[in-house]
Amino acid sequence: MRRRWCRASAMAEFLLLMAAFVVLMVALGLVRVAIGPGRAERMMAAQLLGSGAIGALLLLSAAVGEPALVDVALTLALLSAFASVAFVKFAVKQDRQAGDEGQAQ
């Protein structure tokens, strides 16, 4: 019985370590958002942040055995997808306005 507990504990520690690693990689992505030269690069970095957060939440859920974190991760995935669509619509609208202004001159 004790042997099984040690394996479960070691797996939980490993999952927590991997969640911390994912959070560290997401932090590096945040730096890319800050210095990104264009809108596309910034949006891709923002998607990285969303995906990394989802992965970290799922790893944390498996490590601590809290199923509510899976629901939070799924909600974040939906919000991330809607944010991408909203960004693309906004970028297309701005590009069209810039093209109309360029043609008027």
PDB file of N, CA and C in Angstrom:
ATOM      1  N   MET A   1       0.822  -1.196   0.000  1.00  0.00           N
ATOM      2  CA  MET A   1       0.000   0.000   0.000  1.00  0.00           C
ATOM      3  C   MET A   1       0.865   1.258   0.000  1.00  0.00           C
ATOM      4  N   ARG A   2       1.892   1.238   0.826  1.00  0.00           N
ATOM      5  CA  ARG A   2       2.761   2.407   0.903  1.00  0.00           C
ATOM      6  C   ARG A   2       3.489   2.651  -0.418  1.00  0.00           C
ATOM      7  N   ARG A   3       3.841   1.586  -1.092  1.00  0.00           N
ATOM      8  CA  ARG A   3       4.559   1.711  -2.350  1.00  0.00           C
ATOM      9  C   ARG A   3       3.704   2.448  -3.395  1.00  0.00           C
ATOM     10  N   ARG A   4       2.434   2.143  -3.454  1.00  0.00           N
ATOM     11  CA  ARG A   4       1.540   2.818  -4.388  1.00  0.00           C
ATOM     12  C   ARG A   4       1.459   4.305  -4.066  1.00  0.00           C
ATOM     13  N   TRP A   5       1.416   4.679  -2.810  1.00  0.00           N
ATOM     14  CA  TRP A   5       1.346   6.082  -2.403  1.00  0.00           C
ATOM     15  C   TRP A   5       2.584   6.840  -2.871  1.00  0.00           C
ATOM     16  N   CYS A   6       3.736   6.219  -2.775  1.00  0.00           N
ATOM     17  CA  CYS A   6       4.969   6.873  -3.212  1.00  0.00           C
ATOM     18  C   CYS A   6       4.954   7.138  -4.710  1.00  0.00           C
ATOM     19  N   ARG A   7       4.440   6.192  -5.493  1.00  0.00           N
ATOM     20  CA  ARG A   7       4.364   6.400  -6.928  1.00  0.00           C
ATOM     21  C   ARG A   7       3.400   7.527  -7.272  1.00  0.00           C
ATOM     22  N   ALA A   8       2.271   7.559  -6.587  1.00  0.00           N
ATOM     23  CA  ALA A   8       1.293   8.620  -6.836  1.00  0.00           C
ATOM     24  C   ALA A   8       1.867   9.969  -6.447  1.00  0.00           C
ATOM     25  N   SER A   9       2.578  10.005  -5.361  1.00  0.00           N
ATOM     26  CA  SER A   9       3.182  11.252  -4.905  1.00  0.00           C
ATOM     27  C   SER A   9       4.266  11.718  -5.885  1.00  0.00           C
ATOM     28  N   ALA A  10       5.044  10.782  -6.384  1.00  0.00           N
ATOM     29  CA  ALA A  10       6.098  11.138  -7.340  1.00  0.00           C
ATOM     30  C   ALA A  10       5.471  11.662  -8.631  1.00  0.00           C
ATOM     31  N   MET A  11       4.368  11.061  -9.065  1.00  0.00           N
ATOM     32  CA  MET A  11       3.708  11.522 -10.283  1.00  0.00           C
ATOM     33  C   MET A  11       3.113  12.914 -10.071  1.00  0.00           C
ATOM     34  N   ALA A  12       2.535  13.149  -8.908  1.00  0.00           N
ATOM     35  CA  ALA A  12       1.975  14.470  -8.612  1.00  0.00           C
ATOM     36  C   ALA A  12       3.076  15.524  -8.610  1.00  0.00           C
ATOM     37  N   GLU A  13       4.217  15.193  -8.040  1.00  0.00           N
ATOM     38  CA  GLU A  13       5.342  16.135  -8.036  1.00  0.00           C
ATOM     39  C   GLU A  13       5.829  16.407  -9.457  1.00  0.00           C
ATOM     40  N   PHE A  14       5.887  15.359 -10.278  1.00  0.00           N
ATOM     41  CA  PHE A  14       6.312  15.529 -11.663  1.00  0.00           C
ATOM     42  C   PHE A  14       5.333  16.423 -12.424  1.00  0.00           C
ATOM     43  N   LEU A  15       4.037  16.199 -12.233  1.00  0.00           N
ATOM     44  CA  LEU A  15       3.034  17.014 -12.907  1.00  0.00           C
ATOM     45  C   LEU A  15       3.108  18.475 -12.466  1.00  0.00           C
ATOM     46  N   LEU A  16       3.345  18.693 -11.181  1.00  0.00           N
ATOM     47  CA  LEU A  16       3.494  20.062 -10.693  1.00  0.00           C
ATOM     48  C   LEU A  16       4.742  20.723 -11.277  1.00  0.00           C
ATOM     49  N   LEU A  17       5.804  19.960 -11.404  1.00  0.00           N
ATOM     50  CA  LEU A  17       7.035  20.485 -12.007  1.00  0.00           C
ATOM     51  C   LEU A  17       6.800  20.851 -13.474  1.00  0.00           C
ATOM     52  N   MET A  18       6.080  20.008 -14.194  1.00  0.00           N
ATOM     53  CA  MET A  18       5.780  20.300 -15.601  1.00  0.00           C
ATOM     54  C   MET A  18       4.852  21.509 -15.726  1.00  0.00           C
ATOM     55  N   ALA A  19       3.910  21.665 -14.812  1.00  0.00           N
ATOM     56  CA  ALA A  19       3.040  22.840 -14.828  1.00  0.00           C
ATOM     57  C   ALA A  19       3.866  24.103 -14.602  1.00  0.00           C
ATOM     58  N   ALA A  20       4.828  24.035 -13.695  1.00  0.00           N
ATOM     59  CA  ALA A  20       5.703  25.191 -13.452  1.00  0.00           C
ATOM     60  C   ALA A  20       6.532  25.497 -14.699  1.00  0.00           C
ATOM     61  N   PHE A  21       6.992  24.463 -15.392  1.00  0.00           N
ATOM     62  CA  PHE A  21       7.762  24.659 -16.623  1.00  0.00           C
ATOM     63  C   PHE A  21       6.915  25.333 -17.694  1.00  0.00           C
ATOM     64  N   VAL A  22       5.680  24.899 -17.826  1.00  0.00           N
ATOM     65  CA  VAL A  22       4.779  25.505 -18.816  1.00  0.00           C
ATOM     66  C   VAL A  22       4.542  26.971 -18.475  1.00  0.00           C
ATOM     67  N   VAL A  23       4.349  27.276 -17.200  1.00  0.00           N
ATOM     68  CA  VAL A  23       4.144  28.670 -16.785  1.00  0.00           C
ATOM     69  C   VAL A  23       5.388  29.505 -17.102  1.00  0.00           C
ATOM     70  N   LEU A  24       6.566  28.943 -16.918  1.00  0.00           N
ATOM     71  CA  LEU A  24       7.799  29.653 -17.257  1.00  0.00           C
ATOM     72  C   LEU A  24       7.867  29.945 -18.753  1.00  0.00           C
ATOM     73  N   MET A  25       7.494  28.982 -19.579  1.00  0.00           N
ATOM     74  CA  MET A  25       7.490  29.195 -21.020  1.00  0.00           C
ATOM     75  C   MET A  25       6.445  30.246 -21.422  1.00  0.00           C
ATOM     76  N   VAL A  26       5.328  30.265 -20.734  1.00  0.00           N
ATOM     77  CA  VAL A  26       4.306  31.276 -20.995  1.00  0.00           C
ATOM     78  C   VAL A  26       4.836  32.661 -20.636  1.00  0.00           C
ATOM     79  N   ALA A  27       5.605  32.749 -19.569  1.00  0.00           N
ATOM     80  CA  ALA A  27       6.200  34.031 -19.192  1.00  0.00           C
ATOM     81  C   ALA A  27       7.144  34.532 -20.283  1.00  0.00           C
ATOM     82  N   LEU A  28       7.887  33.625 -20.895  1.00  0.00           N
ATOM     83  CA  LEU A  28       8.749  34.027 -22.003  1.00  0.00           C
ATOM     84  C   LEU A  28       7.914  34.505 -23.192  1.00  0.00           C
ATOM     85  N   GLY A  29       6.767  33.893 -23.404  1.00  0.00           N
ATOM     86  CA  GLY A  29       5.855  34.345 -24.450  1.00  0.00           C
ATOM     87  C   GLY A  29       5.321  35.732 -24.170  1.00  0.00           C
ATOM     88  N   LEU A  30       5.124  36.045 -22.902  1.00  0.00           N
ATOM     89  CA  LEU A  30       4.665  37.377 -22.517  1.00  0.00           C
ATOM     90  C   LEU A  30       5.686  38.441 -22.895  1.00  0.00           C
ATOM     91  N   VAL A  31       6.951  38.101 -22.797  1.00  0.00           N
ATOM     92  CA  VAL A  31       8.004  39.023 -23.240  1.00  0.00           C
ATOM     93  C   VAL A  31       7.869  39.270 -24.742  1.00  0.00           C
ATOM     94  N   ARG A  32       7.547  38.224 -25.487  1.00  0.00           N
ATOM     95  CA  ARG A  32       7.376  38.363 -26.939  1.00  0.00           C
ATOM     96  C   ARG A  32       6.191  39.262 -27.267  1.00  0.00           C
ATOM     97  N   VAL A  33       5.136  39.184 -26.476  1.00  0.00           N
ATOM     98  CA  VAL A  33       3.990  40.066 -26.682  1.00  0.00           C
ATOM     99  C   VAL A  33       4.415  41.519 -26.522  1.00  0.00           C
ATOM    100  N   ALA A  34       5.245  41.768 -25.537  1.00  0.00           N
ATOM    101  CA  ALA A  34       5.669  43.145 -25.259  1.00  0.00           C
ATOM    102  C   ALA A  34       6.556  43.714 -26.362  1.00  0.00           C
ATOM    103  N   ILE A  35       7.391  42.888 -26.978  1.00  0.00           N
ATOM    104  CA  ILE A  35       8.339  43.415 -27.964  1.00  0.00           C
ATOM    105  C   ILE A  35       7.987  43.046 -29.402  1.00  0.00           C
ATOM    106  N   GLY A  36       6.842  42.375 -29.593  1.00  0.00           N
ATOM    107  CA  GLY A  36       6.467  41.922 -30.935  1.00  0.00           C
ATOM    108  C   GLY A  36       6.418  43.057 -31.931  1.00  0.00           C
ATOM    109  N   PRO A  37       7.006  42.869 -33.118  1.00  0.00           N
ATOM    110  CA  PRO A  37       7.044  43.956 -34.093  1.00  0.00           C
ATOM    111  C   PRO A  37       5.707  44.205 -34.783  1.00  0.00           C
ATOM    112  N   GLY A  38       4.879  43.194 -34.878  1.00  0.00           N
ATOM    113  CA  GLY A  38       3.633  43.380 -35.612  1.00  0.00           C
ATOM    114  C   GLY A  38       2.454  42.767 -34.899  1.00  0.00           C
ATOM    115  N   ARG A  39       1.283  43.011 -35.465  1.00  0.00           N
ATOM    116  CA  ARG A  39       0.064  42.497 -34.838  1.00  0.00           C
ATOM    117  C   ARG A  39      -0.005  40.981 -34.901  1.00  0.00           C
ATOM    118  N   ALA A  40       0.430  40.408 -35.988  1.00  0.00           N
ATOM    119  CA  ALA A  40       0.349  38.951 -36.126  1.00  0.00           C
ATOM    120  C   ALA A  40       1.228  38.244 -35.100  1.00  0.00           C
ATOM    121  N   GLU A  41       2.426  38.758 -34.887  1.00  0.00           N
ATOM    122  CA  GLU A  41       3.319  38.149 -33.911  1.00  0.00           C
ATOM    123  C   GLU A  41       2.748  38.263 -32.503  1.00  0.00           C
ATOM    124  N   ARG A  42       2.159  39.410 -32.217  1.00  0.00           N
ATOM    125  CA  ARG A  42       1.561  39.596 -30.894  1.00  0.00           C
ATOM    126  C   ARG A  42       0.369  38.679 -30.685  1.00  0.00           C
ATOM    127  N   MET A  43      -0.429  38.490 -31.727  1.00  0.00           N
ATOM    128  CA  MET A  43      -1.577  37.603 -31.599  1.00  0.00           C
ATOM    129  C   MET A  43      -1.135  36.161 -31.405  1.00  0.00           C
ATOM    130  N   MET A  44      -0.099  35.744 -32.122  1.00  0.00           N
ATOM    131  CA  MET A  44       0.406  34.382 -31.940  1.00  0.00           C
ATOM    132  C   MET A  44       0.962  34.189 -30.536  1.00  0.00           C
ATOM    133  N   ALA A  45       1.630  35.201 -30.006  1.00  0.00           N
ATOM    134  CA  ALA A  45       2.130  35.104 -28.643  1.00  0.00           C
ATOM    135  C   ALA A  45       0.972  35.069 -27.646  1.00  0.00           C
ATOM    136  N   ALA A  46      -0.079  35.810 -27.915  1.00  0.00           N
ATOM    137  CA  ALA A  46      -1.242  35.772 -27.033  1.00  0.00           C
ATOM    138  C   ALA A  46      -1.901  34.397 -27.082  1.00  0.00           C
ATOM    139  N   GLN A  47      -1.929  33.771 -28.249  1.00  0.00           N
ATOM    140  CA  GLN A  47      -2.445  32.410 -28.342  1.00  0.00           C
ATOM    141  C   GLN A  47      -1.574  31.440 -27.562  1.00  0.00           C
ATOM    142  N   LEU A  48      -0.266  31.671 -27.599  1.00  0.00           N
ATOM    143  CA  LEU A  48       0.643  30.851 -26.806  1.00  0.00           C
ATOM    144  C   LEU A  48       0.316  30.989 -25.324  1.00  0.00           C
ATOM    145  N   LEU A  49       0.032  32.199 -24.886  1.00  0.00           N
ATOM    146  CA  LEU A  49      -0.319  32.406 -23.488  1.00  0.00           C
ATOM    147  C   LEU A  49      -1.580  31.633 -23.122  1.00  0.00           C
ATOM    148  N   GLY A  50      -2.583  31.697 -23.984  1.00  0.00           N
ATOM    149  CA  GLY A  50      -3.817  30.970 -23.708  1.00  0.00           C
ATOM    150  C   GLY A  50      -3.604  29.468 -23.682  1.00  0.00           C
ATOM    151  N   SER A  51      -2.880  28.950 -24.657  1.00  0.00           N
ATOM    152  CA  SER A  51      -2.622  27.509 -24.719  1.00  0.00           C
ATOM    153  C   SER A  51      -1.777  27.046 -23.541  1.00  0.00           C
ATOM    154  N   GLY A  52      -0.792  27.838 -23.185  1.00  0.00           N
ATOM    155  CA  GLY A  52       0.052  27.491 -22.036  1.00  0.00           C
ATOM    156  C   GLY A  52      -0.724  27.483 -20.734  1.00  0.00           C
ATOM    157  N   ALA A  53      -1.599  28.454 -20.579  1.00  0.00           N
ATOM    158  CA  ALA A  53      -2.415  28.497 -19.370  1.00  0.00           C
ATOM    159  C   ALA A  53      -3.358  27.302 -19.309  1.00  0.00           C
ATOM    160  N   ILE A  54      -3.915  26.926 -20.442  1.00  0.00           N
ATOM    161  CA  ILE A  54      -4.792  25.752 -20.479  1.00  0.00           C
ATOM    162  C   ILE A  54      -4.002  24.496 -20.101  1.00  0.00           C
ATOM    163  N   GLY A  55      -2.825  24.345 -20.679  1.00  0.00           N
ATOM    164  CA  GLY A  55      -1.986  23.188 -20.352  1.00  0.00           C
ATOM    165  C   GLY A  55      -1.593  23.153 -18.887  1.00  0.00           C
ATOM    166  N   ALA A  56      -1.217  24.303 -18.346  1.00  0.00           N
ATOM    167  CA  ALA A  56      -0.829  24.353 -16.935  1.00  0.00           C
ATOM    168  C   ALA A  56      -2.010  24.006 -16.028  1.00  0.00           C
ATOM    169  N   LEU A  57      -3.193  24.502 -16.372  1.00  0.00           N
ATOM    170  CA  LEU A  57      -4.373  24.182 -15.571  1.00  0.00           C
ATOM    171  C   LEU A  57      -4.713  22.694 -15.624  1.00  0.00           C
ATOM    172  N   LEU A  58      -4.583  22.094 -16.792  1.00  0.00           N
ATOM    173  CA  LEU A  58      -4.865  20.665 -16.902  1.00  0.00           C
ATOM    174  C   LEU A  58      -3.842  19.825 -16.138  1.00  0.00           C
ATOM    175  N   LEU A  59      -2.581  20.211 -16.199  1.00  0.00           N
ATOM    176  CA  LEU A  59      -1.560  19.508 -15.416  1.00  0.00           C
ATOM    177  C   LEU A  59      -1.802  19.666 -13.920  1.00  0.00           C
ATOM    178  N   LEU A  60      -2.153  20.858 -13.516  1.00  0.00           N
ATOM    179  CA  LEU A  60      -2.432  21.111 -12.107  1.00  0.00           C
ATOM    180  C   LEU A  60      -3.645  20.312 -11.646  1.00  0.00           C
ATOM    181  N   SER A  61      -4.658  20.230 -12.494  1.00  0.00           N
ATOM    182  CA  SER A  61      -5.851  19.452 -12.164  1.00  0.00           C
ATOM    183  C   SER A  61      -5.504  17.981 -11.951  1.00  0.00           C
ATOM    184  N   ALA A  62      -4.664  17.439 -12.822  1.00  0.00           N
ATOM    185  CA  ALA A  62      -4.264  16.041 -12.675  1.00  0.00           C
ATOM    186  C   ALA A  62      -3.397  15.829 -11.442  1.00  0.00           C
ATOM    187  N   ALA A  63      -2.575  16.815 -11.114  1.00  0.00           N
ATOM    188  CA  ALA A  63      -1.668  16.661  -9.978  1.00  0.00           C
ATOM    189  C   ALA A  63      -2.398  16.703  -8.640  1.00  0.00           C
ATOM    190  N   VAL A  64      -3.342  17.624  -8.511  1.00  0.00           N
ATOM    191  CA  VAL A  64      -4.007  17.783  -7.216  1.00  0.00           C
ATOM    192  C   VAL A  64      -5.359  17.077  -7.164  1.00  0.00           C
ATOM    193  N   GLY A  65      -5.820  16.565  -8.298  1.00  0.00           N
ATOM    194  CA  GLY A  65      -7.083  15.845  -8.315  1.00  0.00           C
ATOM    195  C   GLY A  65      -8.302  16.735  -8.147  1.00  0.00           C
ATOM    196  N   GLU A  66      -8.225  17.920  -8.714  1.00  0.00           N
ATOM    197  CA  GLU A  66      -9.337  18.878  -8.617  1.00  0.00           C
ATOM    198  C   GLU A  66     -10.002  19.008  -9.981  1.00  0.00           C
ATOM    199  N   PRO A  67     -11.158  18.356 -10.182  1.00  0.00           N
ATOM    200  CA  PRO A  67     -11.790  18.378 -11.507  1.00  0.00           C
ATOM    201  C   PRO A  67     -12.327  19.747 -11.916  1.00  0.00           C
ATOM    202  N   ALA A  68     -12.523  20.646 -10.984  1.00  0.00           N
ATOM    203  CA  ALA A  68     -13.029  21.978 -11.336  1.00  0.00           C
ATOM    204  C   ALA A  68     -12.023  22.745 -12.197  1.00  0.00           C
ATOM    205  N   LEU A  69     -10.750  22.436 -12.070  1.00  0.00           N
ATOM    206  CA  LEU A  69      -9.737  23.115 -12.878  1.00  0.00           C
ATOM    207  C   LEU A  69      -9.871  22.759 -14.357  1.00  0.00           C
ATOM    208  N   VAL A  70     -10.392  21.595 -14.658  1.00  0.00           N
ATOM    209  CA  VAL A  70     -10.634  21.221 -16.058  1.00  0.00           C
ATOM    210  C   VAL A  70     -11.708  22.138 -16.642  1.00  0.00           C
ATOM    211  N   ASP A  71     -12.742  22.435 -15.853  1.00  0.00           N
ATOM    212  CA  ASP A  71     -13.782  23.347 -16.321  1.00  0.00           C
ATOM    213  C   ASP A  71     -13.224  24.741 -16.578  1.00  0.00           C
ATOM    214  N   VAL A  72     -12.340  25.187 -15.715  1.00  0.00           N
ATOM    215  CA  VAL A  72     -11.709  26.495 -15.903  1.00  0.00           C
ATOM    216  C   VAL A  72     -10.870  26.488 -17.179  1.00  0.00           C
ATOM    217  N   ALA A  73     -10.148  25.403 -17.417  1.00  0.00           N
ATOM    218  CA  ALA A  73      -9.324  25.304 -18.627  1.00  0.00           C
ATOM    219  C   ALA A  73     -10.195  25.320 -19.890  1.00  0.00           C
ATOM    220  N   LEU A  74     -11.317  24.618 -19.849  1.00  0.00           N
ATOM    221  CA  LEU A  74     -12.216  24.619 -21.008  1.00  0.00           C
ATOM    222  C   LEU A  74     -12.812  26.002 -21.256  1.00  0.00           C
ATOM    223  N   THR A  75     -13.159  26.695 -20.197  1.00  0.00           N
ATOM    224  CA  THR A  75     -13.673  28.059 -20.335  1.00  0.00           C
ATOM    225  C   THR A  75     -12.613  28.977 -20.934  1.00  0.00           C
ATOM    226  N   LEU A  76     -11.394  28.843 -20.469  1.00  0.00           N
ATOM    227  CA  LEU A  76     -10.294  29.640 -21.015  1.00  0.00           C
ATOM    228  C   LEU A  76     -10.066  29.323 -22.494  1.00  0.00           C
ATOM    229  N   ALA A  77     -10.226  28.067 -22.879  1.00  0.00           N
ATOM    230  CA  ALA A  77     -10.063  27.697 -24.286  1.00  0.00           C
ATOM    231  C   ALA A  77     -11.125  28.376 -25.147  1.00  0.00           C
ATOM    232  N   LEU A  78     -12.355  28.419 -24.669  1.00  0.00           N
ATOM    233  CA  LEU A  78     -13.411  29.104 -25.416  1.00  0.00           C
ATOM    234  C   LEU A  78     -13.137  30.596 -25.524  1.00  0.00           C
ATOM    235  N   LEU A  79     -12.738  31.205 -24.426  1.00  0.00           N
ATOM    236  CA  LEU A  79     -12.440  32.642 -24.449  1.00  0.00           C
ATOM    237  C   LEU A  79     -11.278  32.947 -25.383  1.00  0.00           C
ATOM    238  N   SER A  80     -10.287  32.094 -25.393  1.00  0.00           N
ATOM    239  CA  SER A  80      -9.130  32.295 -26.264  1.00  0.00           C
ATOM    240  C   SER A  80      -9.536  32.224 -27.735  1.00  0.00           C
ATOM    241  N   ALA A  81     -10.400  31.288 -28.070  1.00  0.00           N
ATOM    242  CA  ALA A  81     -10.861  31.176 -29.456  1.00  0.00           C
ATOM    243  C   ALA A  81     -11.663  32.408 -29.863  1.00  0.00           C
ATOM    244  N   PHE A  82     -12.553  32.870 -29.004  1.00  0.00           N
ATOM    245  CA  PHE A  82     -13.336  34.067 -29.320  1.00  0.00           C
ATOM    246  C   PHE A  82     -12.445  35.304 -29.421  1.00  0.00           C
ATOM    247  N   ALA A  83     -11.422  35.384 -28.600  1.00  0.00           N
ATOM    248  CA  ALA A  83     -10.502  36.513 -28.666  1.00  0.00           C
ATOM    249  C   ALA A  83      -9.764  36.528 -30.003  1.00  0.00           C
ATOM    250  N   SER A  84      -9.402  35.372 -30.508  1.00  0.00           N
ATOM    251  CA  SER A  84      -8.722  35.297 -31.810  1.00  0.00           C
ATOM    252  C   SER A  84      -9.625  35.784 -32.927  1.00  0.00           C
ATOM    253  N   VAL A  85     -10.871  35.344 -32.909  1.00  0.00           N
ATOM    254  CA  VAL A  85     -11.813  35.774 -33.939  1.00  0.00           C
ATOM    255  C   VAL A  85     -12.033  37.282 -33.864  1.00  0.00           C
ATOM    256  N   ALA A  86     -12.182  37.804 -32.661  1.00  0.00           N
ATOM    257  CA  ALA A  86     -12.388  39.245 -32.494  1.00  0.00           C
ATOM    258  C   ALA A  86     -11.172  40.026 -32.987  1.00  0.00           C
ATOM    259  N   PHE A  87      -9.973  39.526 -32.715  1.00  0.00           N
ATOM    260  CA  PHE A  87      -8.760  40.199 -33.159  1.00  0.00           C
ATOM    261  C   PHE A  87      -8.694  40.240 -34.686  1.00  0.00           C
ATOM    262  N   VAL A  88      -9.003  39.121 -35.324  1.00  0.00           N
ATOM    263  CA  VAL A  88      -8.935  39.070 -36.785  1.00  0.00           C
ATOM    264  C   VAL A  88      -9.945  40.037 -37.396  1.00  0.00           C
ATOM    265  N   LYS A  89     -11.154  40.080 -36.856  1.00  0.00           N
ATOM    266  CA  LYS A  89     -12.156  41.014 -37.377  1.00  0.00           C
ATOM    267  C   LYS A  89     -11.694  42.462 -37.207  1.00  0.00           C
ATOM    268  N   PHE A  90     -11.116  42.766 -36.062  1.00  0.00           N
ATOM    269  CA  PHE A  90     -10.616  44.111 -35.804  1.00  0.00           C
ATOM    270  C   PHE A  90      -9.474  44.462 -36.755  1.00  0.00           C
ATOM    271  N   ALA A  91      -8.560  43.528 -36.970  1.00  0.00           N
ATOM    272  CA  ALA A  91      -7.412  43.782 -37.844  1.00  0.00           C
ATOM    273  C   ALA A  91      -7.858  43.977 -39.289  1.00  0.00           C
ATOM    274  N   VAL A  92      -8.816  43.174 -39.740  1.00  0.00           N
ATOM    275  CA  VAL A  92      -9.314  43.312 -41.114  1.00  0.00           C
ATOM    276  C   VAL A  92      -9.998  44.666 -41.285  1.00  0.00           C
ATOM    277  N   LYS A  93     -10.758  45.060 -40.298  1.00  0.00           N
ATOM    278  CA  LYS A  93     -11.448  46.357 -40.364  1.00  0.00           C
ATOM    279  C   LYS A  93     -10.440  47.506 -40.429  1.00  0.00           C
ATOM    280  N   GLN A  94      -9.394  47.432 -39.626  1.00  0.00           N
ATOM    281  CA  GLN A  94      -8.368  48.477 -39.655  1.00  0.00           C
ATOM    282  C   GLN A  94      -7.638  48.502 -40.994  1.00  0.00           C
ATOM    283  N   ASP A  95      -7.346  47.323 -41.538  1.00  0.00           N
ATOM    284  CA  ASP A  95      -6.651  47.261 -42.828  1.00  0.00           C
ATOM    285  C   ASP A  95      -7.511  47.849 -43.948  1.00  0.00           C
ATOM    286  N   ARG A  96      -8.803  47.583 -43.905  1.00  0.00           N
ATOM    287  CA  ARG A  96      -9.696  48.152 -44.914  1.00  0.00           C
ATOM    288  C   ARG A  96      -9.770  49.671 -44.796  1.00  0.00           C
ATOM    289  N   GLN A  97      -9.821  50.167 -43.559  1.00  0.00           N
ATOM    290  CA  GLN A  97      -9.867  51.621 -43.366  1.00  0.00           C
ATOM    291  C   GLN A  97      -8.578  52.277 -43.840  1.00  0.00           C
ATOM    292  N   ALA A  98      -7.454  51.629 -43.572  1.00  0.00           N
ATOM    293  CA  ALA A  98      -6.164  52.170 -44.023  1.00  0.00           C
ATOM    294  C   ALA A  98      -6.094  52.149 -45.549  1.00  0.00           C
ATOM    295  N   GLY A  99      -6.644  51.105 -46.175  1.00  0.00           N
ATOM    296  CA  GLY A  99      -6.658  51.034 -47.642  1.00  0.00           C
ATOM    297  C   GLY A  99      -7.553  52.085 -48.245  1.00  0.00           C
ATOM    298  N   ASP A 100      -8.700  52.361 -47.622  1.00  0.00           N
ATOM    299  CA  ASP A 100      -9.601  53.401 -48.117  1.00  0.00           C
ATOM    300  C   ASP A 100      -8.966  54.782 -48.003  1.00  0.00           C
ATOM    301  N   GLU A 101      -8.256  55.033 -46.913  1.00  0.00           N
ATOM    302  CA  GLU A 101      -7.585  56.331 -46.724  1.00  0.00           C
ATOM    303  C   GLU A 101      -6.462  56.504 -47.719  1.00  0.00           C
ATOM    304  N   GLY A 102      -5.749  55.411 -48.027  1.00  0.00           N
ATOM    305  CA  GLY A 102      -4.661  55.476 -48.986  1.00  0.00           C
ATOM    306  C   GLY A 102      -5.155  55.751 -50.392  1.00  0.00           C
ATOM    307  N   GLN A 103      -6.299  55.220 -50.756  1.00  0.00           N
ATOM    308  CA  GLN A 103      -6.860  55.436 -52.075  1.00  0.00           C
ATOM    309  C   GLN A 103      -7.447  56.839 -52.210  1.00  0.00           C
ATOM    310  N   ALA A 104      -7.914  57.423 -51.111  1.00  0.00           N
ATOM    311  CA  ALA A 104      -8.513  58.765 -51.174  1.00  0.00           C
ATOM    312  C   ALA A 104      -7.450  59.821 -51.393  1.00  0.00           C
ATOM    313  N   GLN A 105      -6.221  59.553 -51.036  1.00  0.00           N
ATOM    314  CA  GLN A 105      -5.179  60.578 -51.167  1.00  0.00           C
ATOM    315  C   GLN A 105      -4.626  60.617 -52.509  1.00  0.00           C
TER     316      GLN A 105
END
